[in-house]
Structures are given as structure tokens and as C-alpha cells.
């Protein structure tokens, strides 16, 4: 049974959590901040928050990483101007 979070859940996780655990087939793959997890999983087949997707398309980074929530995306956009 696939229990992957949907887009809204990913956005909520990225905005509200201090740490995200990525578990696949019962094994812990990663446990870190949302920004670290979603940026390090860039090459893997994991869904990303909407803010991360937008930042990647716009090439906006915050501290060398793509933002993962609306607050970080806004800050990255303001820093780019």
C-alpha cells in the first residue's frame, strides 16, 4: 500500500515540521530538516513541496538550497531582487 503524502501534505510538512523522516521499505533513508531532506532527494523519485518546485523553475536559492515553504520562497525572491 502506497502511503506517499499528497502535494498539500508535503507543503504542510515543509512548513510545519522541524524534521522529516524518509522511510522506504521499512528502512530509514534520511532524517533531517525539510530543506535538507527535499534538497538532498533532488535526484531521487520523491515528490517535492510546491515551493521547492517553483524555486527550482525560477532558479531561486536560499543559503545554497531551494526553499521548501512559502516563507523561504518569499525570502529567496526578495534576496534575488
N, C-alpha and C. Protein backbone atom coordinates (compact mmCIF):
# COMPACT_ATOMS: atom_id res chain seq x y z
N UNK A 1 0.82 -1.18 0.00
CA UNK A 1 0.00 0.00 0.00
C UNK A 1 0.88 1.25 0.00
N UNK A 2 0.63 2.13 -0.97
CA UNK A 2 1.40 3.35 -1.09
C UNK A 2 0.85 4.39 -0.11
N UNK A 3 1.72 4.90 0.75
CA UNK A 3 1.30 5.91 1.72
C UNK A 3 2.06 7.20 1.53
N UNK A 4 2.42 7.50 0.28
CA UNK A 4 3.12 8.74 -0.01
C UNK A 4 2.20 9.93 0.25
N UNK A 5 2.74 11.00 0.80
CA UNK A 5 1.90 12.18 1.04
C UNK A 5 1.52 12.85 -0.27
N UNK A 6 0.33 13.48 -0.29
CA UNK A 6 -0.06 14.23 -1.48
C UNK A 6 0.59 15.61 -1.43
N UNK A 7 0.38 16.41 -2.48
CA UNK A 7 1.04 17.72 -2.57
C UNK A 7 0.72 18.62 -1.39
N UNK A 8 -0.55 18.68 -0.98
CA UNK A 8 -0.92 19.53 0.15
C UNK A 8 -0.24 19.08 1.44
N UNK A 9 -0.15 17.78 1.63
CA UNK A 9 0.51 17.25 2.82
C UNK A 9 2.01 17.58 2.80
N UNK A 10 2.64 17.49 1.63
CA UNK A 10 4.05 17.84 1.52
C UNK A 10 4.28 19.31 1.86
N UNK A 11 3.39 20.16 1.36
CA UNK A 11 3.50 21.59 1.67
C UNK A 11 3.36 21.83 3.17
N UNK A 12 2.43 21.15 3.81
CA UNK A 12 2.25 21.28 5.25
C UNK A 12 3.47 20.76 6.00
N UNK A 13 4.00 19.62 5.60
CA UNK A 13 5.19 19.07 6.24
C UNK A 13 6.36 20.04 6.15
N UNK A 14 6.56 20.60 4.97
CA UNK A 14 7.69 21.51 4.76
C UNK A 14 7.55 22.77 5.60
N UNK A 15 6.32 23.23 5.81
CA UNK A 15 6.09 24.47 6.57
C UNK A 15 6.09 24.27 8.08
N UNK A 16 5.66 23.10 8.54
CA UNK A 16 5.40 22.92 9.97
C UNK A 16 6.42 22.05 10.72
N UNK A 17 7.12 21.20 10.03
CA UNK A 17 8.00 20.23 10.71
C UNK A 17 9.42 20.75 10.88
N UNK A 18 10.02 20.36 11.98
CA UNK A 18 11.43 20.64 12.21
C UNK A 18 12.30 19.55 11.60
N UNK A 19 11.75 18.35 11.51
CA UNK A 19 12.49 17.21 10.99
C UNK A 19 11.53 16.30 10.22
N UNK A 20 12.02 15.77 9.11
CA UNK A 20 11.25 14.81 8.30
C UNK A 20 12.03 13.52 8.21
N UNK A 21 11.32 12.43 8.38
CA UNK A 21 11.91 11.11 8.21
C UNK A 21 11.44 10.55 6.89
N UNK A 22 12.37 10.02 6.12
CA UNK A 22 12.03 9.35 4.86
C UNK A 22 12.26 7.86 5.07
N UNK A 23 11.17 7.11 4.99
CA UNK A 23 11.23 5.66 5.21
C UNK A 23 10.78 4.97 3.93
N UNK A 24 11.56 4.02 3.47
CA UNK A 24 11.20 3.25 2.28
C UNK A 24 11.44 1.78 2.57
N UNK A 25 10.43 0.97 2.32
CA UNK A 25 10.52 -0.48 2.57
C UNK A 25 10.97 -0.79 3.98
N UNK A 26 10.53 0.03 4.94
CA UNK A 26 10.84 -0.21 6.34
C UNK A 26 12.20 0.27 6.79
N UNK A 27 12.96 0.89 5.88
CA UNK A 27 14.30 1.39 6.22
C UNK A 27 14.32 2.91 6.25
N UNK A 28 14.93 3.46 7.27
CA UNK A 28 15.08 4.90 7.38
C UNK A 28 16.16 5.35 6.41
N UNK A 29 15.76 6.14 5.40
CA UNK A 29 16.72 6.64 4.42
C UNK A 29 17.37 7.95 4.87
N UNK A 30 16.57 8.78 5.56
CA UNK A 30 17.07 10.09 5.94
C UNK A 30 16.19 10.67 7.03
N UNK A 31 16.79 11.43 7.92
CA UNK A 31 16.06 12.18 8.94
C UNK A 31 16.79 13.50 9.12
N UNK A 32 16.14 14.59 8.68
CA UNK A 32 16.79 15.89 8.76
C UNK A 32 15.74 16.98 8.59
N UNK A 33 16.18 18.23 8.49
CA UNK A 33 15.26 19.35 8.29
C UNK A 33 14.58 19.21 6.93
N UNK A 34 13.39 19.79 6.77
CA UNK A 34 12.72 19.71 5.47
C UNK A 34 13.59 20.24 4.32
N UNK A 35 14.28 21.36 4.55
CA UNK A 35 15.12 21.91 3.48
C UNK A 35 16.22 20.93 3.09
N UNK A 36 16.87 20.32 4.05
CA UNK A 36 17.93 19.36 3.75
C UNK A 36 17.38 18.13 3.06
N UNK A 37 16.29 17.58 3.59
CA UNK A 37 15.71 16.36 3.01
C UNK A 37 15.29 16.58 1.57
N UNK A 38 14.48 17.61 1.31
CA UNK A 38 13.98 17.80 -0.05
C UNK A 38 15.07 18.19 -1.03
N UNK A 39 16.10 18.89 -0.59
CA UNK A 39 17.19 19.24 -1.49
C UNK A 39 18.12 18.06 -1.75
N UNK A 40 18.32 17.20 -0.77
CA UNK A 40 19.18 16.04 -1.00
C UNK A 40 18.46 14.94 -1.77
N UNK A 41 17.14 14.94 -1.75
CA UNK A 41 16.38 13.94 -2.51
C UNK A 41 16.10 14.40 -3.93
N UNK A 42 16.77 15.45 -4.37
CA UNK A 42 16.55 16.01 -5.70
C UNK A 42 16.69 14.98 -6.81
N UNK A 43 17.63 14.08 -6.71
CA UNK A 43 17.88 13.12 -7.77
C UNK A 43 17.04 11.86 -7.66
N UNK A 44 16.31 11.70 -6.59
CA UNK A 44 15.50 10.51 -6.39
C UNK A 44 14.06 10.76 -6.79
N UNK A 45 13.30 9.73 -6.91
CA UNK A 45 11.91 9.83 -7.37
C UNK A 45 10.95 10.13 -6.21
N UNK A 46 11.19 11.20 -5.50
CA UNK A 46 10.31 11.62 -4.42
C UNK A 46 9.64 12.92 -4.82
N UNK A 47 8.39 13.08 -4.46
CA UNK A 47 7.68 14.34 -4.72
C UNK A 47 8.27 15.43 -3.84
N UNK A 48 8.10 16.67 -4.27
CA UNK A 48 8.63 17.82 -3.54
C UNK A 48 7.50 18.80 -3.25
N UNK A 49 7.67 19.68 -2.25
CA UNK A 49 6.67 20.71 -1.97
C UNK A 49 6.56 21.68 -3.15
N UNK A 50 5.41 22.34 -3.26
CA UNK A 50 5.18 23.28 -4.36
C UNK A 50 6.22 24.40 -4.36
N UNK A 51 6.59 24.91 -3.19
CA UNK A 51 7.58 25.99 -3.11
C UNK A 51 8.92 25.54 -3.68
N UNK A 52 9.31 24.31 -3.41
CA UNK A 52 10.56 23.76 -3.95
C UNK A 52 10.50 23.71 -5.46
N UNK A 53 9.39 23.21 -6.00
CA UNK A 53 9.21 23.11 -7.46
C UNK A 53 9.29 24.48 -8.10
N UNK A 54 8.62 25.48 -7.51
CA UNK A 54 8.64 26.84 -8.06
C UNK A 54 10.04 27.43 -7.99
N UNK A 55 10.71 27.26 -6.87
CA UNK A 55 12.05 27.81 -6.71
C UNK A 55 13.02 27.21 -7.72
N UNK A 56 12.89 25.93 -7.96
CA UNK A 56 13.78 25.28 -8.93
C UNK A 56 13.55 25.84 -10.33
N UNK A 57 12.28 25.99 -10.71
CA UNK A 57 11.96 26.54 -12.04
C UNK A 57 12.45 27.98 -12.18
N UNK A 58 12.37 28.75 -11.09
CA UNK A 58 12.79 30.15 -11.12
C UNK A 58 14.26 30.34 -10.76
N UNK A 59 14.93 29.23 -10.41
CA UNK A 59 16.34 29.24 -10.01
C UNK A 59 16.59 30.16 -8.82
N UNK A 60 15.68 30.08 -7.84
CA UNK A 60 15.82 30.86 -6.61
C UNK A 60 16.35 29.95 -5.51
N UNK A 61 17.44 30.37 -4.89
CA UNK A 61 18.01 29.58 -3.80
C UNK A 61 18.13 30.45 -2.55
N UNK A 62 18.11 29.78 -1.42
CA UNK A 62 18.27 30.41 -0.12
C UNK A 62 19.35 29.64 0.61
N UNK A 63 20.44 30.29 0.91
CA UNK A 63 21.59 29.62 1.55
C UNK A 63 22.06 28.41 0.74
N UNK A 64 22.03 28.52 -0.59
CA UNK A 64 22.54 27.47 -1.46
C UNK A 64 21.58 26.33 -1.73
N UNK A 65 20.37 26.39 -1.17
CA UNK A 65 19.38 25.33 -1.35
C UNK A 65 18.07 25.93 -1.87
N UNK A 66 17.28 25.09 -2.52
CA UNK A 66 15.96 25.54 -2.93
C UNK A 66 15.05 25.64 -1.71
N UNK A 67 14.26 26.71 -1.60
CA UNK A 67 13.31 26.85 -0.49
C UNK A 67 12.26 25.74 -0.53
N UNK A 68 11.72 25.37 0.63
CA UNK A 68 10.73 24.30 0.67
C UNK A 68 9.37 24.75 1.21
N UNK A 69 9.26 26.02 1.60
CA UNK A 69 7.96 26.52 2.05
C UNK A 69 7.78 27.96 1.57
N UNK A 70 6.57 28.49 1.71
CA UNK A 70 6.23 29.80 1.17
C UNK A 70 7.09 30.91 1.79
N UNK A 71 7.35 30.83 3.08
CA UNK A 71 8.16 31.86 3.75
C UNK A 71 9.57 31.90 3.16
N UNK A 72 10.18 30.73 2.98
CA UNK A 72 11.52 30.66 2.41
C UNK A 72 11.53 31.11 0.94
N UNK A 73 10.49 30.73 0.19
CA UNK A 73 10.41 31.13 -1.21
C UNK A 73 10.33 32.65 -1.34
N UNK A 74 9.53 33.27 -0.49
CA UNK A 74 9.40 34.73 -0.49
C UNK A 74 10.75 35.38 -0.17
N UNK A 75 11.44 34.84 0.82
CA UNK A 75 12.74 35.39 1.21
C UNK A 75 13.75 35.25 0.07
N UNK A 76 13.75 34.10 -0.59
CA UNK A 76 14.68 33.88 -1.71
C UNK A 76 14.37 34.85 -2.86
N UNK A 77 13.09 35.08 -3.13
CA UNK A 77 12.69 36.01 -4.20
C UNK A 77 13.12 37.44 -3.85
N UNK A 78 12.93 37.82 -2.60
CA UNK A 78 13.33 39.17 -2.16
C UNK A 78 14.84 39.35 -2.25
N UNK A 79 15.59 38.31 -1.91
CA UNK A 79 17.05 38.38 -1.96
C UNK A 79 17.56 38.43 -3.40
N UNK A 80 16.78 37.89 -4.33
CA UNK A 80 17.19 37.87 -5.74
C UNK A 80 17.04 39.23 -6.39
N UNK A 81 16.21 40.07 -5.81
CA UNK A 81 15.97 41.41 -6.41
C UNK A 81 16.91 42.44 -5.89
